[in-house]
Amino acid sequence: MYAWSDPTTLDQADVLDTMALYYLTRCFPTSVMSYHQSKKDRDEMTLTQNKDKWKPYEIGVLPWAYIKAVGPLVFYKECSIGGHFPALDNPDGLVQDLHKFIGKNWQLGLKELAVERLGAEL
């Protein structure tokens, strides 16, 4: 966790909370399953190209050409701080990115969604 996070923003209390959550809920094995299953793909990742432009503490950064070839990309953002755990490293930036993504890609506004779900005008 330390190697994948920005040491200037990582709080040791957050590390302890996260590790306790994984331990007490016994969900650590399932949380790392995707890493085990994607080993071949991760071995092919370029770990240094684009690293400074994307997230400086991310452990695996794909070249832009790989990302672009996968399919239609609806949101992409390069970050100057943070790493693999944006909710720990840069929570405000993560919230801003989510707002931008939802604002750009959500088909209905929040009011329209509430009207649709509740069936009443607000």
PDB file of N, CA and C in Angstrom:
ATOM      1  N   MET A   1       0.828  -1.183   0.000  1.00  0.00           N
ATOM      2  CA  MET A   1       0.000   0.000   0.000  1.00  0.00           C
ATOM      3  C   MET A   1       0.878   1.253   0.000  1.00  0.00           C
ATOM      4  N   TYR A   2       1.971   1.216   0.750  1.00  0.00           N
ATOM      5  CA  TYR A   2       2.855   2.379   0.778  1.00  0.00           C
ATOM      6  C   TYR A   2       3.505   2.624  -0.577  1.00  0.00           C
ATOM      7  N   ALA A   3       3.898   1.550  -1.265  1.00  0.00           N
ATOM      8  CA  ALA A   3       4.564   1.704  -2.558  1.00  0.00           C
ATOM      9  C   ALA A   3       3.623   2.243  -3.623  1.00  0.00           C
ATOM     10  N   TRP A   4       2.325   2.059  -3.454  1.00  0.00           N
ATOM     11  CA  TRP A   4       1.348   2.460  -4.457  1.00  0.00           C
ATOM     12  C   TRP A   4       0.688   3.790  -4.128  1.00  0.00           C
ATOM     13  N   SER A   5       1.112   4.457  -3.074  1.00  0.00           N
ATOM     14  CA  SER A   5       0.454   5.682  -2.630  1.00  0.00           C
ATOM     15  C   SER A   5       1.437   6.829  -2.531  1.00  0.00           C
ATOM     16  N   ASP A   6       0.914   8.012  -2.630  1.00  0.00           N
ATOM     17  CA  ASP A   6       1.704   9.232  -2.498  1.00  0.00           C
ATOM     18  C   ASP A   6       2.043   9.424  -1.021  1.00  0.00           C
ATOM     19  N   PRO A   7       3.330   9.349  -0.646  1.00  0.00           N
ATOM     20  CA  PRO A   7       3.677   9.445   0.775  1.00  0.00           C
ATOM     21  C   PRO A   7       3.360  10.802   1.398  1.00  0.00           C
ATOM     22  N   THR A   8       3.194  11.825   0.577  1.00  0.00           N
ATOM     23  CA  THR A   8       2.886  13.146   1.133  1.00  0.00           C
ATOM     24  C   THR A   8       1.410  13.279   1.503  1.00  0.00           C
ATOM     25  N   THR A   9       0.568  12.382   0.996  1.00  0.00           N
ATOM     26  CA  THR A   9      -0.862  12.478   1.282  1.00  0.00           C
ATOM     27  C   THR A   9      -1.396  11.291   2.072  1.00  0.00           C
ATOM     28  N   LEU A  10      -0.627  10.233   2.188  1.00  0.00           N
ATOM     29  CA  LEU A  10      -1.098   9.021   2.857  1.00  0.00           C
ATOM     30  C   LEU A  10      -1.063   9.183   4.368  1.00  0.00           C
ATOM     31  N   ASP A  11      -2.173   8.902   5.000  1.00  0.00           N
ATOM     32  CA  ASP A  11      -2.306   8.987   6.449  1.00  0.00           C
ATOM     33  C   ASP A  11      -2.177   7.580   7.031  1.00  0.00           C
ATOM     34  N   GLN A  12      -1.313   7.404   8.008  1.00  0.00           N
ATOM     35  CA  GLN A  12      -1.108   6.086   8.596  1.00  0.00           C
ATOM     36  C   GLN A  12      -2.383   5.539   9.235  1.00  0.00           C
ATOM     37  N   ALA A  13      -3.229   6.414   9.747  1.00  0.00           N
ATOM     38  CA  ALA A  13      -4.502   5.965  10.324  1.00  0.00           C
ATOM     39  C   ALA A  13      -5.388   5.351   9.238  1.00  0.00           C
ATOM     40  N   ASP A  14      -5.351   5.921   8.024  1.00  0.00           N
ATOM     41  CA  ASP A  14      -6.117   5.356   6.918  1.00  0.00           C
ATOM     42  C   ASP A  14      -5.605   3.974   6.536  1.00  0.00           C
ATOM     43  N   VAL A  15      -4.293   3.801   6.574  1.00  0.00           N
ATOM     44  CA  VAL A  15      -3.705   2.496   6.264  1.00  0.00           C
ATOM     45  C   VAL A  15      -4.183   1.472   7.288  1.00  0.00           C
ATOM     46  N   LEU A  16      -4.123   1.831   8.555  1.00  0.00           N
ATOM     47  CA  LEU A  16      -4.566   0.928   9.613  1.00  0.00           C
ATOM     48  C   LEU A  16      -6.061   0.609   9.480  1.00  0.00           C
ATOM     49  N   ASP A  17      -6.875   1.620   9.210  1.00  0.00           N
ATOM     50  CA  ASP A  17      -8.313   1.402   9.020  1.00  0.00           C
ATOM     51  C   ASP A  17      -8.577   0.453   7.856  1.00  0.00           C
ATOM     52  N   THR A  18      -7.877   0.671   6.761  1.00  0.00           N
ATOM     53  CA  THR A  18      -8.080  -0.157   5.573  1.00  0.00           C
ATOM     54  C   THR A  18      -7.672  -1.601   5.832  1.00  0.00           C
ATOM     55  N   MET A  19      -6.519  -1.785   6.440  1.00  0.00           N
ATOM     56  CA  MET A  19      -6.055  -3.140   6.724  1.00  0.00           C
ATOM     57  C   MET A  19      -6.992  -3.844   7.714  1.00  0.00           C
ATOM     58  N   ALA A  20      -7.467  -3.122   8.702  1.00  0.00           N
ATOM     59  CA  ALA A  20      -8.402  -3.708   9.664  1.00  0.00           C
ATOM     60  C   ALA A  20      -9.704  -4.096   8.972  1.00  0.00           C
ATOM     61  N   LEU A  21     -10.177  -3.244   8.070  1.00  0.00           N
ATOM     62  CA  LEU A  21     -11.405  -3.551   7.335  1.00  0.00           C
ATOM     63  C   LEU A  21     -11.255  -4.846   6.539  1.00  0.00           C
ATOM     64  N   TYR A  22     -10.150  -4.979   5.811  1.00  0.00           N
ATOM     65  CA  TYR A  22      -9.909  -6.209   5.050  1.00  0.00           C
ATOM     66  C   TYR A  22      -9.801  -7.421   5.971  1.00  0.00           C
ATOM     67  N   TYR A  23      -9.085  -7.272   7.071  1.00  0.00           N
ATOM     68  CA  TYR A  23      -8.877  -8.394   7.986  1.00  0.00           C
ATOM     69  C   TYR A  23     -10.185  -8.810   8.671  1.00  0.00           C
ATOM     70  N   LEU A  24     -10.892  -7.851   9.224  1.00  0.00           N
ATOM     71  CA  LEU A  24     -12.099  -8.165   9.999  1.00  0.00           C
ATOM     72  C   LEU A  24     -13.258  -8.668   9.133  1.00  0.00           C
ATOM     73  N   THR A  25     -13.304  -8.238   7.888  1.00  0.00           N
ATOM     74  CA  THR A  25     -14.377  -8.699   7.007  1.00  0.00           C
ATOM     75  C   THR A  25     -13.958  -9.916   6.179  1.00  0.00           C
ATOM     76  N   ARG A  26     -12.728 -10.312   6.331  1.00  0.00           N
ATOM     77  CA  ARG A  26     -12.174 -11.484   5.616  1.00  0.00           C
ATOM     78  C   ARG A  26     -12.347 -11.384   4.104  1.00  0.00           C
ATOM     79  N   CYS A  27     -12.209 -10.164   3.579  1.00  0.00           N
ATOM     80  CA  CYS A  27     -12.400  -9.984   2.141  1.00  0.00           C
ATOM     81  C   CYS A  27     -11.099  -9.743   1.385  1.00  0.00           C
ATOM     82  N   PHE A  28      -9.956  -9.825   2.079  1.00  0.00           N
ATOM     83  CA  PHE A  28      -8.698  -9.568   1.383  1.00  0.00           C
ATOM     84  C   PHE A  28      -8.470 -10.533   0.219  1.00  0.00           C
ATOM     85  N   PRO A  29      -8.667 -11.853   0.395  1.00  0.00           N
ATOM     86  CA  PRO A  29      -8.417 -12.759  -0.739  1.00  0.00           C
ATOM     87  C   PRO A  29      -9.226 -12.403  -1.988  1.00  0.00           C
ATOM     88  N   THR A  30     -10.491 -12.046  -1.822  1.00  0.00           N
ATOM     89  CA  THR A  30     -11.285 -11.695  -2.996  1.00  0.00           C
ATOM     90  C   THR A  30     -10.884 -10.336  -3.564  1.00  0.00           C
ATOM     91  N   SER A  31     -10.348  -9.461  -2.722  1.00  0.00           N
ATOM     92  CA  SER A  31      -9.957  -8.141  -3.216  1.00  0.00           C
ATOM     93  C   SER A  31      -8.711  -8.204  -4.100  1.00  0.00           C
ATOM     94  N   VAL A  32      -7.887  -9.217  -3.930  1.00  0.00           N
ATOM     95  CA  VAL A  32      -6.673  -9.332  -4.744  1.00  0.00           C
ATOM     96  C   VAL A  32      -6.812 -10.353  -5.867  1.00  0.00           C
ATOM     97  N   MET A  33      -7.963 -10.988  -5.978  1.00  0.00           N
ATOM     98  CA  MET A  33      -8.163 -11.997  -7.012  1.00  0.00           C
ATOM     99  C   MET A  33      -7.953 -11.431  -8.408  1.00  0.00           C
ATOM    100  N   SER A  34      -8.442 -10.222  -8.655  1.00  0.00           N
ATOM    101  CA  SER A  34      -8.291  -9.647  -9.993  1.00  0.00           C
ATOM    102  C   SER A  34      -6.818  -9.424 -10.346  1.00  0.00           C
ATOM    103  N   TYR A  35      -5.994  -9.116  -9.357  1.00  0.00           N
ATOM    104  CA  TYR A  35      -4.562  -8.956  -9.619  1.00  0.00           C
ATOM    105  C   TYR A  35      -3.944 -10.297 -10.012  1.00  0.00           C
ATOM    106  N   HIS A  36      -4.352 -11.354  -9.325  1.00  0.00           N
ATOM    107  CA  HIS A  36      -3.847 -12.687  -9.644  1.00  0.00           C
ATOM    108  C   HIS A  36      -4.298 -13.114 -11.043  1.00  0.00           C
ATOM    109  N   GLN A  37      -5.559 -12.881 -11.350  1.00  0.00           N
ATOM    110  CA  GLN A  37      -6.099 -13.311 -12.628  1.00  0.00           C
ATOM    111  C   GLN A  37      -5.585 -12.486 -13.803  1.00  0.00           C
ATOM    112  N   SER A  38      -5.101 -11.295 -13.545  1.00  0.00           N
ATOM    113  CA  SER A  38      -4.632 -10.435 -14.638  1.00  0.00           C
ATOM    114  C   SER A  38      -3.108 -10.365 -14.717  1.00  0.00           C
ATOM    115  N   LYS A  39      -2.418 -11.317 -14.123  1.00  0.00           N
ATOM    116  CA  LYS A  39      -0.958 -11.283 -14.085  1.00  0.00           C
ATOM    117  C   LYS A  39      -0.350 -11.176 -15.484  1.00  0.00           C
ATOM    118  N   LYS A  40      -0.838 -11.959 -16.427  1.00  0.00           N
ATOM    119  CA  LYS A  40      -0.286 -11.919 -17.780  1.00  0.00           C
ATOM    120  C   LYS A  40      -0.417 -10.516 -18.373  1.00  0.00           C
ATOM    121  N   ASP A  41      -1.594  -9.914 -18.234  1.00  0.00           N
ATOM    122  CA  ASP A  41      -1.812  -8.568 -18.765  1.00  0.00           C
ATOM    123  C   ASP A  41      -0.939  -7.543 -18.047  1.00  0.00           C
ATOM    124  N   ARG A  42      -0.826  -7.667 -16.741  1.00  0.00           N
ATOM    125  CA  ARG A  42      -0.016  -6.709 -15.983  1.00  0.00           C
ATOM    126  C   ARG A  42       1.454  -6.818 -16.340  1.00  0.00           C
ATOM    127  N   ASP A  43       1.916  -8.024 -16.652  1.00  0.00           N
ATOM    128  CA  ASP A  43       3.308  -8.186 -17.055  1.00  0.00           C
ATOM    129  C   ASP A  43       3.607  -7.460 -18.354  1.00  0.00           C
ATOM    130  N   GLU A  44       2.582  -7.272 -19.186  1.00  0.00           N
ATOM    131  CA  GLU A  44       2.754  -6.579 -20.460  1.00  0.00           C
ATOM    132  C   GLU A  44       2.630  -5.064 -20.336  1.00  0.00           C
ATOM    133  N   MET A  45       2.202  -4.573 -19.178  1.00  0.00           N
ATOM    134  CA  MET A  45       2.041  -3.132 -18.985  1.00  0.00           C
ATOM    135  C   MET A  45       3.405  -2.436 -19.016  1.00  0.00           C
ATOM    136  N   THR A  46       3.387  -1.244 -19.503  1.00  0.00           N
ATOM    137  CA  THR A  46       4.574  -0.417 -19.442  1.00  0.00           C
ATOM    138  C   THR A  46       4.520   0.344 -18.133  1.00  0.00           C
ATOM    139  N   LEU A  47       5.482   0.100 -17.274  1.00  0.00           N
ATOM    140  CA  LEU A  47       5.412   0.661 -15.932  1.00  0.00           C
ATOM    141  C   LEU A  47       5.995   2.065 -15.825  1.00  0.00           C
ATOM    142  N   THR A  48       6.720   2.523 -16.811  1.00  0.00           N
ATOM    143  CA  THR A  48       7.330   3.836 -16.685  1.00  0.00           C
ATOM    144  C   THR A  48       6.777   4.844 -17.686  1.00  0.00           C
ATOM    145  N   GLN A  49       6.389   4.424 -18.862  1.00  0.00           N
ATOM    146  CA  GLN A  49       5.876   5.352 -19.859  1.00  0.00           C
ATOM    147  C   GLN A  49       4.587   5.991 -19.358  1.00  0.00           C
ATOM    148  N   ASN A  50       4.488   7.285 -19.480  1.00  0.00           N
ATOM    149  CA  ASN A  50       3.308   8.059 -19.065  1.00  0.00           C
ATOM    150  C   ASN A  50       3.142   8.141 -17.545  1.00  0.00           C
ATOM    151  N   LYS A  51       4.018   7.555 -16.772  1.00  0.00           N
ATOM    152  CA  LYS A  51       3.833   7.516 -15.328  1.00  0.00           C
ATOM    153  C   LYS A  51       3.800   8.927 -14.727  1.00  0.00           C
ATOM    154  N   ASP A  52       4.681   9.799 -15.181  1.00  0.00           N
ATOM    155  CA  ASP A  52       4.717  11.147 -14.629  1.00  0.00           C
ATOM    156  C   ASP A  52       3.471  11.943 -15.003  1.00  0.00           C
ATOM    157  N   LYS A  53       2.858  11.616 -16.125  1.00  0.00           N
ATOM    158  CA  LYS A  53       1.691  12.366 -16.577  1.00  0.00           C
ATOM    159  C   LYS A  53       0.395  11.851 -15.971  1.00  0.00           C
ATOM    160  N   TRP A  54       0.339  10.584 -15.612  1.00  0.00           N
ATOM    161  CA  TRP A  54      -0.931  10.020 -15.171  1.00  0.00           C
ATOM    162  C   TRP A  54      -1.088  10.131 -13.671  1.00  0.00           C
ATOM    163  N   LYS A  55      -0.564   9.226 -12.927  1.00  0.00           N
ATOM    164  CA  LYS A  55      -0.529   9.290 -11.467  1.00  0.00           C
ATOM    165  C   LYS A  55       0.875   8.870 -11.061  1.00  0.00           C
ATOM    166  N   PRO A  56       1.616   9.731 -10.433  1.00  0.00           N
ATOM    167  CA  PRO A  56       3.029   9.430 -10.184  1.00  0.00           C
ATOM    168  C   PRO A  56       3.292   8.191  -9.337  1.00  0.00           C
ATOM    169  N   TYR A  57       2.363   7.765  -8.521  1.00  0.00           N
ATOM    170  CA  TYR A  57       2.599   6.606  -7.664  1.00  0.00           C
ATOM    171  C   TYR A  57       1.808   5.369  -8.104  1.00  0.00           C
ATOM    172  N   GLU A  58       1.235   5.404  -9.289  1.00  0.00           N
ATOM    173  CA  GLU A  58       0.543   4.223  -9.819  1.00  0.00           C
ATOM    174  C   GLU A  58       1.586   3.186 -10.194  1.00  0.00           C
ATOM    175  N   ILE A  59       1.293   1.928  -9.915  1.00  0.00           N
ATOM    176  CA  ILE A  59       2.284   0.883 -10.163  1.00  0.00           C
ATOM    177  C   ILE A  59       2.261   0.357 -11.592  1.00  0.00           C
ATOM    178  N   GLY A  60       1.158   0.482 -12.271  1.00  0.00           N
ATOM    179  CA  GLY A  60       1.074  -0.003 -13.642  1.00  0.00           C
ATOM    180  C   GLY A  60       0.329   0.981 -14.501  1.00  0.00           C
ATOM    181  N   VAL A  61       1.018   1.576 -15.442  1.00  0.00           N
ATOM    182  CA  VAL A  61       0.397   2.571 -16.303  1.00  0.00           C
ATOM    183  C   VAL A  61       0.456   2.062 -17.736  1.00  0.00           C
ATOM    184  N   LEU A  62      -0.692   1.943 -18.343  1.00  0.00           N
ATOM    185  CA  LEU A  62      -0.741   1.520 -19.735  1.00  0.00           C
ATOM    186  C   LEU A  62      -0.445   2.697 -20.650  1.00  0.00           C
ATOM    187  N   PRO A  63       0.245   2.441 -21.739  1.00  0.00           N
ATOM    188  CA  PRO A  63       0.444   3.513 -22.728  1.00  0.00           C
ATOM    189  C   PRO A  63      -0.907   3.946 -23.302  1.00  0.00           C
ATOM    190  N   TRP A  64      -1.009   5.217 -23.655  1.00  0.00           N
ATOM    191  CA  TRP A  64      -2.247   5.778 -24.187  1.00  0.00           C
ATOM    192  C   TRP A  64      -2.748   4.968 -25.380  1.00  0.00           C
ATOM    193  N   ALA A  65      -1.864   4.470 -26.226  1.00  0.00           N
ATOM    194  CA  ALA A  65      -2.265   3.695 -27.403  1.00  0.00           C
ATOM    195  C   ALA A  65      -3.021   2.426 -26.992  1.00  0.00           C
ATOM    196  N   TYR A  66      -2.630   1.791 -25.901  1.00  0.00           N
ATOM    197  CA  TYR A  66      -3.329   0.596 -25.418  1.00  0.00           C
ATOM    198  C   TYR A  66      -4.741   0.962 -24.953  1.00  0.00           C
ATOM    199  N   ILE A  67      -4.828   2.028 -24.186  1.00  0.00           N
ATOM    200  CA  ILE A  67      -6.116   2.451 -23.645  1.00  0.00           C
ATOM    201  C   ILE A  67      -7.071   2.815 -24.779  1.00  0.00           C
ATOM    202  N   LYS A  68      -6.579   3.562 -25.736  1.00  0.00           N
ATOM    203  CA  LYS A  68      -7.389   4.026 -26.859  1.00  0.00           C
ATOM    204  C   LYS A  68      -7.886   2.864 -27.716  1.00  0.00           C
ATOM    205  N   ALA A  69      -7.091   1.802 -27.820  1.00  0.00           N
ATOM    206  CA  ALA A  69      -7.447   0.662 -28.672  1.00  0.00           C
ATOM    207  C   ALA A  69      -8.522  -0.234 -28.058  1.00  0.00           C
ATOM    208  N   VAL A  70      -8.767  -0.124 -26.756  1.00  0.00           N
ATOM    209  CA  VAL A  70      -9.713  -1.012 -26.088  1.00  0.00           C
ATOM    210  C   VAL A  70     -11.142  -0.771 -26.559  1.00  0.00           C
ATOM    211  N   GLY A  71     -11.499   0.464 -26.758  1.00  0.00           N
ATOM    212  CA  GLY A  71     -12.861   0.777 -27.168  1.00  0.00           C
ATOM    213  C   GLY A  71     -13.171   2.226 -26.896  1.00  0.00           C
ATOM    214  N   PRO A  72     -14.439   2.607 -26.997  1.00  0.00           N
ATOM    215  CA  PRO A  72     -14.800   4.006 -26.782  1.00  0.00           C
ATOM    216  C   PRO A  72     -14.574   4.413 -25.319  1.00  0.00           C
ATOM    217  N   LEU A  73     -13.708   5.343 -25.117  1.00  0.00           N
ATOM    218  CA  LEU A  73     -13.383   5.836 -23.788  1.00  0.00           C
ATOM    219  C   LEU A  73     -14.251   7.060 -23.509  1.00  0.00           C
ATOM    220  N   VAL A  74     -14.984   7.042 -22.401  1.00  0.00           N
ATOM    221  CA  VAL A  74     -15.897   8.152 -22.117  1.00  0.00           C
ATOM    222  C   VAL A  74     -15.320   9.160 -21.136  1.00  0.00           C
ATOM    223  N   PHE A  75     -14.260   8.795 -20.415  1.00  0.00           N
ATOM    224  CA  PHE A  75     -13.659   9.745 -19.476  1.00  0.00           C
ATOM    225  C   PHE A  75     -12.215   9.351 -19.226  1.00  0.00           C
ATOM    226  N   TYR A  76     -11.312  10.316 -19.290  1.00  0.00           N
ATOM    227  CA  TYR A  76      -9.903  10.088 -19.019  1.00  0.00           C
ATOM    228  C   TYR A  76      -9.346  11.331 -18.354  1.00  0.00           C
ATOM    229  N   LYS A  77      -8.571  11.155 -17.309  1.00  0.00           N
ATOM    230  CA  LYS A  77      -8.009  12.301 -16.595  1.00  0.00           C
ATOM    231  C   LYS A  77      -6.618  11.950 -16.104  1.00  0.00           C
ATOM    232  N   GLU A  78      -5.669  12.791 -16.399  1.00  0.00           N
ATOM    233  CA  GLU A  78      -4.326  12.632 -15.869  1.00  0.00           C
ATOM    234  C   GLU A  78      -4.229  13.415 -14.569  1.00  0.00           C
ATOM    235  N   CYS A  79      -3.555  12.840 -13.569  1.00  0.00           N
ATOM    236  CA  CYS A  79      -3.462  13.453 -12.250  1.00  0.00           C
ATOM    237  C   CYS A  79      -2.009  13.738 -11.907  1.00  0.00           C
ATOM    238  N   SER A  80      -1.768  14.831 -11.251  1.00  0.00           N
ATOM    239  CA  SER A  80      -0.399  15.163 -10.856  1.00  0.00           C
ATOM    240  C   SER A  80      -0.052  14.630  -9.469  1.00  0.00           C
ATOM    241  N   ILE A  81      -1.053  14.226  -8.700  1.00  0.00           N
ATOM    242  CA  ILE A  81      -0.796  13.639  -7.383  1.00  0.00           C
ATOM    243  C   ILE A  81      -1.588  12.355  -7.256  1.00  0.00           C
ATOM    244  N   GLY A  82      -1.168  11.528  -6.316  1.00  0.00           N
ATOM    245  CA  GLY A  82      -1.925  10.322  -6.037  1.00  0.00           C
ATOM    246  C   GLY A  82      -1.286   9.077  -6.607  1.00  0.00           C
ATOM    247  N   GLY A  83      -2.011   7.993  -6.456  1.00  0.00           N
ATOM    248  CA  GLY A  83      -1.521   6.702  -6.901  1.00  0.00           C
ATOM    249  C   GLY A  83      -2.663   5.736  -7.129  1.00  0.00           C
ATOM    250  N   HIS A  84      -2.455   4.508  -6.748  1.00  0.00           N
ATOM    251  CA  HIS A  84      -3.390   3.430  -7.019  1.00  0.00           C
ATOM    252  C   HIS A  84      -4.679   3.538  -6.207  1.00  0.00           C
ATOM    253  N   PHE A  85      -4.645   4.242  -5.105  1.00  0.00           N
ATOM    254  CA  PHE A  85      -5.797   4.355  -4.217  1.00  0.00           C
ATOM    255  C   PHE A  85      -6.259   5.811  -4.146  1.00  0.00           C
ATOM    256  N   PRO A  86      -6.994   6.293  -5.147  1.00  0.00           N
ATOM    257  CA  PRO A  86      -7.351   7.708  -5.169  1.00  0.00           C
ATOM    258  C   PRO A  86      -8.209   8.153  -3.989  1.00  0.00           C
ATOM    259  N   ALA A  87      -9.019   7.257  -3.438  1.00  0.00           N
ATOM    260  CA  ALA A  87      -9.854   7.648  -2.300  1.00  0.00           C
ATOM    261  C   ALA A  87      -9.002   7.943  -1.073  1.00  0.00           C
ATOM    262  N   LEU A  88      -7.829   7.355  -0.978  1.00  0.00           N
ATOM    263  CA  LEU A  88      -6.916   7.640   0.131  1.00  0.00           C
ATOM    264  C   LEU A  88      -5.951   8.768  -0.214  1.00  0.00           C
ATOM    265  N   ASP A  89      -5.406   8.742  -1.425  1.00  0.00           N
ATOM    266  CA  ASP A  89      -4.368   9.696  -1.817  1.00  0.00           C
ATOM    267  C   ASP A  89      -4.903  11.081  -2.144  1.00  0.00           C
ATOM    268  N   ASN A  90      -6.049  11.130  -2.786  1.00  0.00           N
ATOM    269  CA  ASN A  90      -6.575  12.408  -3.268  1.00  0.00           C
ATOM    270  C   ASN A  90      -8.103  12.363  -3.278  1.00  0.00           C
ATOM    271  N   PRO A  91      -8.730  12.285  -2.100  1.00  0.00           N
ATOM    272  CA  PRO A  91     -10.188  12.137  -2.064  1.00  0.00           C
ATOM    273  C   PRO A  91     -10.934  13.298  -2.711  1.00  0.00           C
ATOM    274  N   ASP A  92     -10.458  14.516  -2.531  1.00  0.00           N
ATOM    275  CA  ASP A  92     -11.139  15.664  -3.146  1.00  0.00           C
ATOM    276  C   ASP A  92     -11.061  15.581  -4.665  1.00  0.00           C
ATOM    277  N   GLY A  93      -9.900  15.203  -5.179  1.00  0.00           N
ATOM    278  CA  GLY A  93      -9.738  15.043  -6.625  1.00  0.00           C
ATOM    279  C   GLY A  93     -10.628  13.945  -7.174  1.00  0.00           C
ATOM    280  N   LEU A  94     -10.773  12.847  -6.430  1.00  0.00           N
ATOM    281  CA  LEU A  94     -11.644  11.754  -6.850  1.00  0.00           C
ATOM    282  C   LEU A  94     -13.094  12.229  -6.933  1.00  0.00           C
ATOM    283  N   VAL A  95     -13.538  12.967  -5.933  1.00  0.00           N
ATOM    284  CA  VAL A  95     -14.917  13.480  -5.942  1.00  0.00           C
ATOM    285  C   VAL A  95     -15.118  14.431  -7.121  1.00  0.00           C
ATOM    286  N   GLN A  96     -14.155  15.301  -7.383  1.00  0.00           N
ATOM    287  CA  GLN A  96     -14.264  16.217  -8.522  1.00  0.00           C
ATOM    288  C   GLN A  96     -14.346  15.441  -9.840  1.00  0.00           C
ATOM    289  N   ASP A  97     -13.511  14.404  -9.966  1.00  0.00           N
ATOM    290  CA  ASP A  97     -13.534  13.591 -11.181  1.00  0.00           C
ATOM    291  C   ASP A  97     -14.869  12.870 -11.342  1.00  0.00           C
ATOM    292  N   LEU A  98     -15.416  12.351 -10.237  1.00  0.00           N
ATOM    293  CA  LEU A  98     -16.718  11.686 -10.300  1.00  0.00           C
ATOM    294  C   LEU A  98     -17.807  12.666 -10.720  1.00  0.00           C
ATOM    295  N   HIS A  99     -17.752  13.880 -10.188  1.00  0.00           N
ATOM    296  CA  HIS A  99     -18.729  14.905 -10.575  1.00  0.00           C
ATOM    297  C   HIS A  99     -18.626  15.208 -12.066  1.00  0.00           C
ATOM    298  N   LYS A 100     -17.393  15.345 -12.559  1.00  0.00           N
ATOM    299  CA  LYS A 100     -17.201  15.623 -13.990  1.00  0.00           C
ATOM    300  C   LYS A 100     -17.708  14.460 -14.840  1.00  0.00           C
ATOM    301  N   PHE A 101     -17.368  13.237 -14.431  1.00  0.00           N
ATOM    302  CA  PHE A 101     -17.804  12.062 -15.185  1.00  0.00           C
ATOM    303  C   PHE A 101     -19.317  11.944 -15.209  1.00  0.00           C
ATOM    304  N   ILE A 102     -19.938  12.051 -14.044  1.00  0.00           N
ATOM    305  CA  ILE A 102     -21.393  11.917 -13.962  1.00  0.00           C
ATOM    306  C   ILE A 102     -22.074  13.060 -14.706  1.00  0.00           C
ATOM    307  N   GLY A 103     -21.553  14.276 -14.528  1.00  0.00           N
ATOM    308  CA  GLY A 103     -22.140  15.418 -15.220  1.00  0.00           C
ATOM    309  C   GLY A 103     -22.054  15.296 -16.729  1.00  0.00           C
ATOM    310  N   LYS A 104     -21.004  14.683 -17.210  1.00  0.00           N
ATOM    311  CA  LYS A 104     -20.804  14.547 -18.648  1.00  0.00           C
ATOM    312  C   LYS A 104     -21.558  13.346 -19.221  1.00  0.00           C
ATOM    313  N   ASN A 105     -21.700  12.287 -18.453  1.00  0.00           N
ATOM    314  CA  ASN A 105     -22.194  11.026 -18.999  1.00  0.00           C
ATOM    315  C   ASN A 105     -23.552  10.575 -18.480  1.00  0.00           C
ATOM    316  N   TRP A 106     -24.102  11.237 -17.482  1.00  0.00           N
ATOM    317  CA  TRP A 106     -25.389  10.837 -16.930  1.00  0.00           C
ATOM    318  C   TRP A 106     -26.477  11.322 -17.872  1.00  0.00           C
ATOM    319  N   GLN A 107     -27.371  10.453 -18.261  1.00  0.00           N
ATOM    320  CA  GLN A 107     -28.405  10.820 -19.223  1.00  0.00           C
ATOM    321  C   GLN A 107     -29.466  11.738 -18.632  1.00  0.00           C
ATOM    322  N   LEU A 108     -29.808  11.526 -17.384  1.00  0.00           N
ATOM    323  CA  LEU A 108     -30.810  12.353 -16.731  1.00  0.00           C
ATOM    324  C   LEU A 108     -30.152  13.170 -15.623  1.00  0.00           C
ATOM    325  N   GLY A 109     -30.624  14.365 -15.427  1.00  0.00           N
ATOM    326  CA  GLY A 109     -30.156  15.146 -14.294  1.00  0.00           C
ATOM    327  C   GLY A 109     -30.714  14.565 -13.003  1.00  0.00           C
ATOM    328  N   LEU A 110     -30.205  14.989 -11.871  1.00  0.00           N
ATOM    329  CA  LEU A 110     -30.660  14.449 -10.590  1.00  0.00           C
ATOM    330  C   LEU A 110     -32.137  14.721 -10.342  1.00  0.00           C
ATOM    331  N   LYS A 111     -32.611  15.909 -10.702  1.00  0.00           N
ATOM    332  CA  LYS A 111     -34.017  16.226 -10.493  1.00  0.00           C
ATOM    333  C   LYS A 111     -34.899  15.325 -11.355  1.00  0.00           C
ATOM    334  N   GLU A 112     -34.532  15.179 -12.623  1.00  0.00           N
ATOM    335  CA  GLU A 112     -35.314  14.331 -13.520  1.00  0.00           C
ATOM    336  C   GLU A 112     -35.291  12.881 -13.045  1.00  0.00           C
ATOM    337  N   LEU A 113     -34.145  12.431 -12.534  1.00  0.00           N
ATOM    338  CA  LEU A 113     -34.043  11.073 -12.028  1.00  0.00           C
ATOM    339  C   LEU A 113     -34.951  10.878 -10.813  1.00  0.00           C
ATOM    340  N   ALA A 114     -34.965  11.865  -9.915  1.00  0.00           N
ATOM    341  CA  ALA A 114     -35.820  11.770  -8.734  1.00  0.00           C
ATOM    342  C   ALA A 114     -37.292  11.762  -9.139  1.00  0.00           C
ATOM    343  N   VAL A 115     -37.653  12.598 -10.100  1.00  0.00           N
ATOM    344  CA  VAL A 115     -39.039  12.630 -10.576  1.00  0.00           C
ATOM    345  C   VAL A 115     -39.398  11.283 -11.192  1.00  0.00           C
ATOM    346  N   GLU A 116     -38.477  10.729 -11.975  1.00  0.00           N
ATOM    347  CA  GLU A 116     -38.740   9.438 -12.601  1.00  0.00           C
ATOM    348  C   GLU A 116     -38.904   8.334 -11.554  1.00  0.00           C
ATOM    349  N   ARG A 117     -38.055   8.336 -10.537  1.00  0.00           N
ATOM    350  CA  ARG A 117     -38.094   7.281  -9.503  1.00  0.00           C
ATOM    351  C   ARG A 117     -39.278   7.459  -8.551  1.00  0.00           C
ATOM    352  N   LEU A 118     -39.530   8.693  -8.157  1.00  0.00           N
ATOM    353  CA  LEU A 118     -40.572   8.932  -7.166  1.00  0.00           C
ATOM    354  C   LEU A 118     -41.938   9.190  -7.789  1.00  0.00           C
ATOM    355  N   GLY A 119     -41.923   9.550  -9.057  1.00  0.00           N
ATOM    356  CA  GLY A 119     -43.191   9.810  -9.729  1.00  0.00           C
ATOM    357  C   GLY A 119     -43.852  11.101  -9.304  1.00  0.00           C
ATOM    358  N   ALA A 120     -43.098  12.023  -8.749  1.00  0.00           N
ATOM    359  CA  ALA A 120     -43.678  13.290  -8.298  1.00  0.00           C
ATOM    360  C   ALA A 120     -42.713  14.424  -8.610  1.00  0.00           C
ATOM    361  N   GLU A 121     -43.267  15.571  -8.859  1.00  0.00           N
ATOM    362  CA  GLU A 121     -42.440  16.749  -9.095  1.00  0.00           C
ATOM    363  C   GLU A 121     -41.862  17.245  -7.772  1.00  0.00           C
ATOM    364  N   LEU A 122     -40.621  17.647  -7.786  1.00  0.00           N
ATOM    365  CA  LEU A 122     -39.982  18.163  -6.558  1.00  0.00           C
ATOM    366  C   LEU A 122     -40.123  19.655  -6.458  1.00  0.00           C
TER     367      LEU A 122
END
